[in-house]
Amino acid sequence: MSAGMGDPHIVVSGVGKVFATGGRDVVALQDIDLAIPRGQFVCLLGPSGCGKSTLLNAVAGFALPSTGTIVADGQPVAAPGPERGMVFQEYALFPWMTVEDNIAFGLQIKGQPKGQIRATVDKLLAMLSLADFRQRYPKDLSGGMRQRVAIARVLALDSPIMLMDEPFGALDALTRRNLQDELLRIWSELRKTIIFVTHSIEEAIYLADRIVVMTYRPGTIKRDILVDLPRLRDPAAADFNALKRELGLLVMEEQQRHHHDELRLAAVD
């Protein structure tokens, strides 16, 4: 299977990223070419160290590529911008602010009228089942609730692009599945373009329109796969598990290559 094309919302062209570490250059990304249509849900999948988060941070504008270009909504990415909202694994909430104040923060910075902010916050509290927690502080919430608040804060800015860096990675299995379903419901309603980083094969199949499998360092695109399974997807179904096996082999190849590289370097040292 290969990825289909439509109106390109994000275009990554010839992107490479080199880090200087311990007196030597480490090539994290190499020759990444990726065009993402508007409204597509894309998962970046691969073992630790394959450059998934590095690529996501480049699209976000936090760490620009060493070579190549990234264009989002027709504009070159040169810095972070409100059209690209980021959801992190560690929630990144302000601990001294209540739930509703955390969600409202970006809108206040933009100088929106108080009535408009209140309406947006009320809508998102209802959408994410947070209305009963609006006056609580992050320390009083579960991990799943804190991540709901983090997602609501990004949605408040109405960014057409959502970038998500393993946002459910620290959650227990049941909470993780509940939030996956919440995210799919929100995406189905709002049709944001989503790039979602994960190392979970099952999570990628459950969520994505398209799975981009990356190689171990230097990170390149190993396979670009359209997921043509109907939603909601059943992880016990035969076609789900057939794709899971295919992806598992691709990821395992990269993990084994990483292991062999480590053994080779250890022998040299």
Protein backbone atom coordinates (compact mmCIF):
# COMPACT_ATOMS: atom_id res chain seq x y z
CA MET A 1 0.00 0.00 0.00
CA SER A 2 1.16 3.54 -0.63
CA ALA A 3 -0.09 6.85 0.67
CA GLY A 4 -2.61 8.79 -1.35
CA MET A 5 -2.48 12.49 -2.05
CA GLY A 6 -4.88 15.38 -1.84
CA ASP A 7 -4.58 19.07 -1.04
CA PRO A 8 -1.16 19.27 0.67
CA HIS A 9 -1.44 20.98 4.05
CA ILE A 10 2.12 20.14 5.15
CA VAL A 11 5.02 19.56 2.74
CA VAL A 12 8.37 18.27 3.99
CA SER A 13 11.05 18.39 1.29
CA GLY A 14 14.55 16.93 1.56
CA VAL A 15 14.68 17.46 5.31
CA GLY A 16 17.77 16.46 7.25
CA LYS A 17 18.83 17.17 10.82
CA VAL A 18 22.35 16.88 12.23
CA PHE A 19 23.21 17.26 15.92
CA ALA A 20 26.73 17.92 17.18
CA THR A 21 27.15 15.56 20.16
CA GLY A 22 30.34 14.78 22.05
CA GLY A 23 32.55 16.20 19.35
CA ARG A 24 30.92 14.28 16.51
CA ASP A 25 27.98 14.83 14.20
CA VAL A 26 24.93 12.62 14.63
CA VAL A 27 22.60 12.44 11.62
CA ALA A 28 19.11 12.26 13.12
CA LEU A 29 17.11 12.77 9.90
CA GLN A 30 18.08 12.32 6.26
CA ASP A 31 16.23 13.10 3.03
CA ILE A 32 12.69 13.16 4.46
CA ASP A 33 10.04 13.87 1.83
CA LEU A 34 6.45 13.90 3.03
CA ALA A 35 3.28 15.59 1.78
CA ILE A 36 0.25 15.48 4.10
CA PRO A 37 -3.21 16.35 2.74
CA ARG A 38 -5.49 18.63 4.71
CA GLY A 39 -7.46 16.80 7.39
CA GLN A 40 -5.37 13.63 7.32
CA PHE A 41 -4.48 11.77 10.53
CA VAL A 42 -0.85 10.63 10.20
CA CYS A 43 1.10 8.53 12.71
CA LEU A 44 4.90 8.53 12.74
CA LEU A 45 5.95 5.08 13.89
CA GLY A 46 9.33 3.59 14.68
CA PRO A 47 11.72 2.53 17.44
CA SER A 48 13.26 4.95 19.91
CA GLY A 49 15.99 6.96 18.26
CA CYS A 50 14.51 6.96 14.76
CA GLY A 51 13.86 10.72 14.71
CA LYS A 52 10.06 10.78 15.08
CA SER A 53 10.07 13.56 17.66
CA THR A 54 12.87 15.38 15.86
CA LEU A 55 10.74 15.52 12.72
CA LEU A 56 7.69 16.62 14.71
CA ASN A 57 9.69 19.40 16.39
CA ALA A 58 10.90 20.55 12.99
CA VAL A 59 7.31 20.81 11.72
CA ALA A 60 6.41 22.66 14.93
CA GLY A 61 9.25 25.11 14.35
CA PHE A 62 10.98 24.33 17.66
CA ALA A 63 14.13 22.87 16.05
CA LEU A 64 14.51 23.73 12.39
CA PRO A 65 16.08 21.22 9.99
CA SER A 66 19.73 21.42 8.99
CA THR A 67 18.78 20.88 5.34
CA GLY A 68 15.56 20.97 3.34
CA THR A 69 12.33 22.88 3.85
CA ILE A 70 8.99 22.50 5.60
CA VAL A 71 5.89 24.33 4.39
CA ALA A 72 2.67 24.44 6.42
CA ASP A 73 -0.51 25.87 4.91
CA GLY A 74 1.54 27.45 2.12
CA GLN A 75 3.99 29.21 4.44
CA PRO A 76 7.60 28.17 5.16
CA VAL A 77 8.08 27.03 8.75
CA ALA A 78 10.69 29.28 10.39
CA ALA A 79 9.44 29.36 14.01
CA PRO A 80 6.57 28.07 16.15
CA GLY A 81 3.19 29.47 15.12
CA PRO A 82 -0.44 29.39 16.28
CA GLU A 83 -1.50 27.44 13.18
CA ARG A 84 0.50 24.46 14.53
CA GLY A 85 -0.67 23.42 18.01
CA MET A 86 1.54 21.05 20.02
CA VAL A 87 0.44 18.47 22.59
CA PHE A 88 3.30 17.01 24.64
CA GLN A 89 3.52 13.78 26.59
CA GLU A 90 4.20 15.63 29.85
CA TYR A 91 0.99 17.76 29.68
CA ALA A 92 2.86 21.14 30.01
CA LEU A 93 0.09 22.75 32.08
CA PHE A 94 0.53 25.75 34.39
CA PRO A 95 0.20 24.25 37.90
CA TRP A 96 -0.94 27.55 39.46
CA MET A 97 -3.88 27.89 37.04
CA THR A 98 -7.24 26.17 37.19
CA VAL A 99 -8.44 23.96 34.36
CA GLU A 100 -10.47 26.75 32.77
CA ASP A 101 -7.63 29.27 33.15
CA ASN A 102 -5.18 26.87 31.49
CA ILE A 103 -7.55 26.46 28.54
CA ALA A 104 -8.19 30.21 28.32
CA PHE A 105 -4.54 31.26 28.56
CA GLY A 106 -3.71 31.32 24.84
CA LEU A 107 -6.91 33.17 24.02
CA GLN A 108 -6.12 35.81 26.64
CA ILE A 109 -2.64 36.27 25.15
CA LYS A 110 -4.30 36.80 21.76
CA GLY A 111 -6.47 39.50 23.34
CA GLN A 112 -9.84 37.93 22.57
CA PRO A 113 -12.90 39.45 24.28
CA LYS A 114 -13.85 37.90 27.64
CA GLY A 115 -17.25 36.76 26.42
CA GLN A 116 -15.74 34.98 23.43
CA ILE A 117 -13.12 33.31 25.63
CA ARG A 118 -15.80 32.14 28.06
CA ALA A 119 -17.88 30.67 25.23
CA THR A 120 -14.87 28.82 23.77
CA VAL A 121 -13.80 27.47 27.17
CA ASP A 122 -17.35 26.32 28.00
CA LYS A 123 -17.61 24.50 24.67
CA LEU A 124 -14.28 22.70 25.15
CA LEU A 125 -15.01 21.78 28.77
CA ALA A 126 -18.20 20.10 27.56
CA MET A 127 -16.52 18.48 24.53
CA LEU A 128 -13.81 16.88 26.68
CA SER A 129 -15.99 16.02 29.71
CA LEU A 130 -14.18 18.53 31.92
CA ALA A 131 -17.06 20.79 32.98
CA ASP A 132 -17.16 19.41 36.53
CA PHE A 133 -13.42 20.07 36.92
CA ARG A 134 -13.19 23.64 35.66
CA GLN A 135 -12.07 25.08 39.01
CA ARG A 136 -9.63 22.27 39.83
CA TYR A 137 -5.85 22.59 39.59
CA PRO A 138 -3.66 20.16 37.60
CA LYS A 139 -2.35 18.52 40.80
CA ASP A 140 -5.92 17.43 41.60
CA LEU A 141 -6.42 15.66 38.26
CA SER A 142 -5.53 12.20 36.96
CA GLY A 143 -3.05 11.84 34.12
CA GLY A 144 -5.88 11.32 31.66
CA MET A 145 -7.69 14.44 32.84
CA ARG A 146 -4.51 16.53 32.62
CA GLN A 147 -4.00 15.36 29.04
CA ARG A 148 -7.61 16.30 28.23
CA VAL A 149 -6.86 19.81 29.49
CA ALA A 150 -3.68 19.95 27.37
CA ILE A 151 -5.66 18.94 24.28
CA ALA A 152 -8.40 21.48 25.09
CA ARG A 153 -5.79 24.24 25.38
CA VAL A 154 -4.53 23.49 21.87
CA LEU A 155 -8.08 23.23 20.49
CA ALA A 156 -8.93 26.62 22.05
CA LEU A 157 -6.51 28.28 19.64
CA ASP A 158 -8.30 26.56 16.73
CA SER A 159 -5.01 25.53 15.15
CA PRO A 160 -5.72 23.76 11.84
CA ILE A 161 -2.70 21.50 12.49
CA MET A 162 -2.27 19.44 15.68
CA LEU A 163 1.14 17.96 16.46
CA MET A 164 1.12 15.27 19.16
CA ASP A 165 4.28 13.78 20.66
CA GLU A 166 3.34 10.45 22.28
CA PRO A 167 0.57 12.23 24.21
CA PHE A 168 -0.85 9.03 25.72
CA GLY A 169 2.44 7.21 26.31
CA ALA A 170 2.46 7.62 30.10
CA LEU A 171 -1.17 6.55 30.64
CA ASP A 172 -2.58 3.20 31.69
CA ALA A 173 -4.13 1.05 28.95
CA LEU A 174 -7.79 1.82 29.73
CA THR A 175 -7.27 5.59 30.00
CA ARG A 176 -5.18 5.50 26.85
CA ARG A 177 -7.95 3.80 24.86
CA ASN A 178 -10.56 6.23 26.21
CA LEU A 179 -8.46 9.20 25.13
CA GLN A 180 -7.78 7.63 21.74
CA ASP A 181 -11.54 7.42 21.22
CA GLU A 182 -11.96 11.03 22.42
CA LEU A 183 -9.29 12.18 19.97
CA LEU A 184 -10.91 10.32 17.08
CA ARG A 185 -14.27 11.88 17.94
CA ILE A 186 -12.75 15.36 18.02
CA TRP A 187 -10.83 14.77 14.78
CA SER A 188 -13.97 13.45 13.07
CA GLU A 189 -15.87 16.57 14.12
CA LEU A 190 -13.21 19.23 13.51
CA ARG A 191 -11.11 17.58 10.76
CA LYS A 192 -7.78 18.93 11.93
CA THR A 193 -4.61 17.76 10.22
CA ILE A 194 -2.87 15.61 12.84
CA ILE A 195 0.70 14.31 13.05
CA PHE A 196 0.90 11.88 15.96
CA VAL A 197 4.16 10.33 17.17
CA THR A 198 3.96 6.86 18.71
CA HIS A 199 6.06 3.76 19.20
CA SER A 200 2.91 1.64 19.68
CA ILE A 201 1.97 -0.29 16.54
CA GLU A 202 -1.55 -0.96 17.79
CA GLU A 203 -2.10 2.72 18.63
CA ALA A 204 -0.96 3.76 15.15
CA ILE A 205 -3.35 1.31 13.44
CA TYR A 206 -6.24 2.26 15.73
CA LEU A 207 -5.88 5.98 15.07
CA ALA A 208 -4.32 6.73 11.72
CA ASP A 209 -5.40 7.26 8.13
CA ARG A 210 -1.75 6.80 7.27
CA ILE A 211 1.28 5.34 9.02
CA VAL A 212 4.79 6.55 8.19
CA VAL A 213 7.34 3.99 9.39
CA MET A 214 10.77 5.48 10.05
CA THR A 215 14.17 3.82 10.01
CA TYR A 216 16.59 3.86 12.90
CA ARG A 217 19.17 6.66 12.74
CA PRO A 218 19.59 8.27 10.34
CA GLY A 219 15.83 8.61 10.30
CA THR A 220 14.36 8.13 6.84
CA ILE A 221 10.98 6.92 5.62
CA LYS A 222 11.01 3.13 5.43
CA ARG A 223 7.34 2.65 4.46
CA ASP A 224 4.38 4.96 3.90
CA ILE A 225 1.14 3.02 4.37
CA LEU A 226 -2.50 3.99 3.97
CA VAL A 227 -4.71 2.32 6.57
CA ASP A 228 -7.90 1.40 4.70
CA LEU A 229 -9.64 -0.34 7.62
CA PRO A 230 -13.12 0.93 8.51
CA ARG A 231 -13.63 2.87 11.75
CA LEU A 232 -14.09 2.17 14.60
CA ARG A 233 -11.35 -0.39 14.35
CA ASP A 234 -11.35 -3.68 16.22
CA PRO A 235 -7.87 -4.70 17.45
CA ALA A 236 -9.08 -8.33 17.50
CA ALA A 237 -10.08 -8.33 13.82
CA ALA A 238 -8.07 -10.37 11.31
CA ASP A 239 -7.27 -7.44 9.00
CA PHE A 240 -6.15 -5.32 11.97
CA ASN A 241 -3.78 -8.06 13.10
CA ALA A 242 -2.49 -8.70 9.58
CA LEU A 243 -1.39 -5.07 9.37
CA LYS A 244 -0.02 -5.29 12.91
CA ARG A 245 2.20 -8.21 11.88
CA GLU A 246 3.40 -6.36 8.77
CA LEU A 247 4.29 -3.26 10.76
CA GLY A 248 5.84 -5.34 13.52
CA LEU A 249 8.30 -6.88 11.05
CA LEU A 250 9.23 -3.46 9.69
CA VAL A 251 9.86 -2.00 13.15
CA MET A 252 11.70 -5.12 14.35
CA GLU A 253 14.11 -4.86 11.41
CA GLU A 254 15.06 -1.39 12.59
CA GLN A 255 15.40 -2.44 16.22
CA GLN A 256 17.70 -5.29 15.18
CA ARG A 257 19.76 -2.94 13.01
CA HIS A 258 20.12 -0.62 16.00
CA HIS A 259 21.22 -3.55 18.19
CA HIS A 260 23.81 -4.67 15.62
CA ASP A 261 25.14 -1.11 15.30
CA GLU A 262 25.56 -0.89 19.08
CA LEU A 263 27.45 -4.19 19.17
CA ARG A 264 29.69 -3.03 16.31
CA LEU A 265 30.47 0.29 18.04
CA ALA A 266 31.15 -1.49 21.33
CA ALA A 267 33.62 -3.78 19.55
CA VAL A 268 35.41 -0.78 18.02
CA ASP A 269 35.71 0.93 21.41
